[in-house]
C-alpha atoms as a PDB file:
ATOM      1  CA  VAL A   1       0.000   0.000   0.000  1.00  0.00           C
ATOM      2  CA  GLU A   2       1.361   3.373  -0.963  1.00  0.00           C
ATOM      3  CA  GLY A   3       2.757   5.335   1.975  1.00  0.00           C
ATOM      4  CA  ASP A   4       3.236   2.297   4.198  1.00  0.00           C
ATOM      5  CA  GLU A   5       6.775   1.316   5.083  1.00  0.00           C
ATOM      6  CA  ALA A   6       7.752  -2.340   5.143  1.00  0.00           C
ATOM      7  CA  THR A   7       9.521  -3.451   8.299  1.00  0.00           C
ATOM      8  CA  CYS A   8      11.485  -6.500   9.290  1.00  0.00           C
ATOM      9  CA  GLU A   9      12.478  -7.705  12.746  1.00  0.00           C
ATOM     10  CA  LEU A  10      15.279 -10.168  13.428  1.00  0.00           C
ATOM     11  CA  TYR A  11      15.485 -12.097  16.706  1.00  0.00           C
ATOM     12  CA  LEU A  12      18.162 -14.352  18.145  1.00  0.00           C
ATOM     13  CA  MET A  13      16.788 -17.206  20.241  1.00  0.00           C
ATOM     14  CA  CYS A  14      18.222 -18.317  23.600  1.00  0.00           C
ATOM     15  CA  ASP A  15      17.375 -20.898  26.284  1.00  0.00           C
ATOM     16  CA  ASP A  16      17.597 -18.556  29.296  1.00  0.00           C
ATOM     17  CA  ILE A  17      17.085 -14.869  28.584  1.00  0.00           C
ATOM     18  CA  GLU A  18      18.198 -13.618  32.017  1.00  0.00           C
ATOM     19  CA  ALA A  19      21.487 -15.538  31.860  1.00  0.00           C
ATOM     20  CA  THR A  20      22.080 -14.489  28.251  1.00  0.00           C
ATOM     21  CA  VAL A  21      21.413 -10.807  28.985  1.00  0.00           C
ATOM     22  CA  ALA A  22      23.753 -10.946  32.010  1.00  0.00           C
ATOM     23  CA  GLU A  23      26.525 -12.542  29.928  1.00  0.00           C
ATOM     24  CA  LEU A  24      26.119 -10.060  27.076  1.00  0.00           C
ATOM     25  CA  LYS A  25      26.178  -7.121  29.524  1.00  0.00           C
ATOM     26  CA  ARG A  26      29.429  -8.484  31.023  1.00  0.00           C
ATOM     27  CA  ARG A  27      30.827  -8.429  27.488  1.00  0.00           C
ATOM     28  CA  GLY A  28      29.799  -4.800  26.947  1.00  0.00           C
ATOM     29  CA  ALA A  29      26.420  -5.079  25.222  1.00  0.00           C
ATOM     30  CA  SER A  30      23.681  -2.594  26.039  1.00  0.00           C
ATOM     31  CA  PHE A  31      19.942  -3.132  25.761  1.00  0.00           C
ATOM     32  CA  THR A  32      17.253  -0.769  24.529  1.00  0.00           C
ATOM     33  CA  ARG A  33      14.491  -2.217  26.712  1.00  0.00           C
ATOM     34  CA  GLY A  34      13.880  -4.586  29.584  1.00  0.00           C
ATOM     35  CA  ILE A  35      12.698  -8.164  29.309  1.00  0.00           C
ATOM     36  CA  THR A  36       8.966  -8.411  28.623  1.00  0.00           C
ATOM     37  CA  ASP A  37       6.481 -11.202  27.956  1.00  0.00           C
ATOM     38  CA  ALA A  38       5.234 -11.179  24.358  1.00  0.00           C
ATOM     39  CA  GLY A  39       3.059 -14.278  24.785  1.00  0.00           C
ATOM     40  CA  TRP A  40       5.077 -16.342  22.323  1.00  0.00           C
ATOM     41  CA  GLY A  41       8.245 -15.688  24.337  1.00  0.00           C
ATOM     42  CA  ARG A  42      10.152 -13.377  26.634  1.00  0.00           C
ATOM     43  CA  VAL A  43      11.868 -10.637  24.627  1.00  0.00           C
ATOM     44  CA  THR A  44      14.370  -7.798  24.816  1.00  0.00           C
ATOM     45  CA  ALA A  45      16.531  -5.929  22.310  1.00  0.00           C
ATOM     46  CA  ILE A  46      20.264  -5.370  21.979  1.00  0.00           C
ATOM     47  CA  ALA A  47      21.363  -1.885  20.936  1.00  0.00           C
ATOM     48  CA  LEU A  48      23.329  -1.841  17.667  1.00  0.00           C
ATOM     49  CA  PRO A  49      25.515   0.947  16.283  1.00  0.00           C
ATOM     50  CA  GLY A  50      23.479   3.532  14.405  1.00  0.00           C
ATOM     51  CA  GLY A  51      20.420   3.132  16.643  1.00  0.00           C
ATOM     52  CA  ALA A  52      19.132  -0.172  15.277  1.00  0.00           C
ATOM     53  CA  GLU A  53      18.030  -3.064  17.513  1.00  0.00           C
ATOM     54  CA  LEU A  54      18.577  -6.817  17.399  1.00  0.00           C
ATOM     55  CA  GLY A  55      15.873  -8.791  19.165  1.00  0.00           C
ATOM     56  CA  LEU A  56      16.655 -11.535  21.640  1.00  0.00           C
ATOM     57  CA  TYR A  57      14.040 -13.981  22.887  1.00  0.00           C
ATOM     58  CA  GLU A  58      13.433 -17.062  24.994  1.00  0.00           C
ATOM     59  CA  PRO A  59      10.680 -19.042  23.252  1.00  0.00           C
ATOM     60  CA  ARG A  60       7.457 -20.169  24.872  1.00  0.00           C
ATOM     61  CA  HIS A  61       6.506 -22.150  21.766  1.00  0.00           C
ATOM     62  CA  PRO A  62       7.665 -25.589  20.602  1.00  0.00           C
ATOM     63  CA  THR A  63      11.016 -25.513  18.794  1.00  0.00           C
ATOM     64  CA  ALA A  64      12.737 -27.960  16.485  1.00  0.00           C
ATOM     65  CA  LEU A  65      15.482 -28.569  19.051  1.00  0.00           C
END
């Protein structure tokens, strides 16, 4: 539709979001938001250079693993 912008979100998946966030913070990563429940998983976002975000989530849905 004209005037609408297409968006795309990319998420990395982890087994334990609290432990993963703690480890990434120890390594210097910063986060743009706290951990929240999105229904399908617990999510947060890693700050990237230039102001972009990379999603990180712990799934609450069946996975292939």
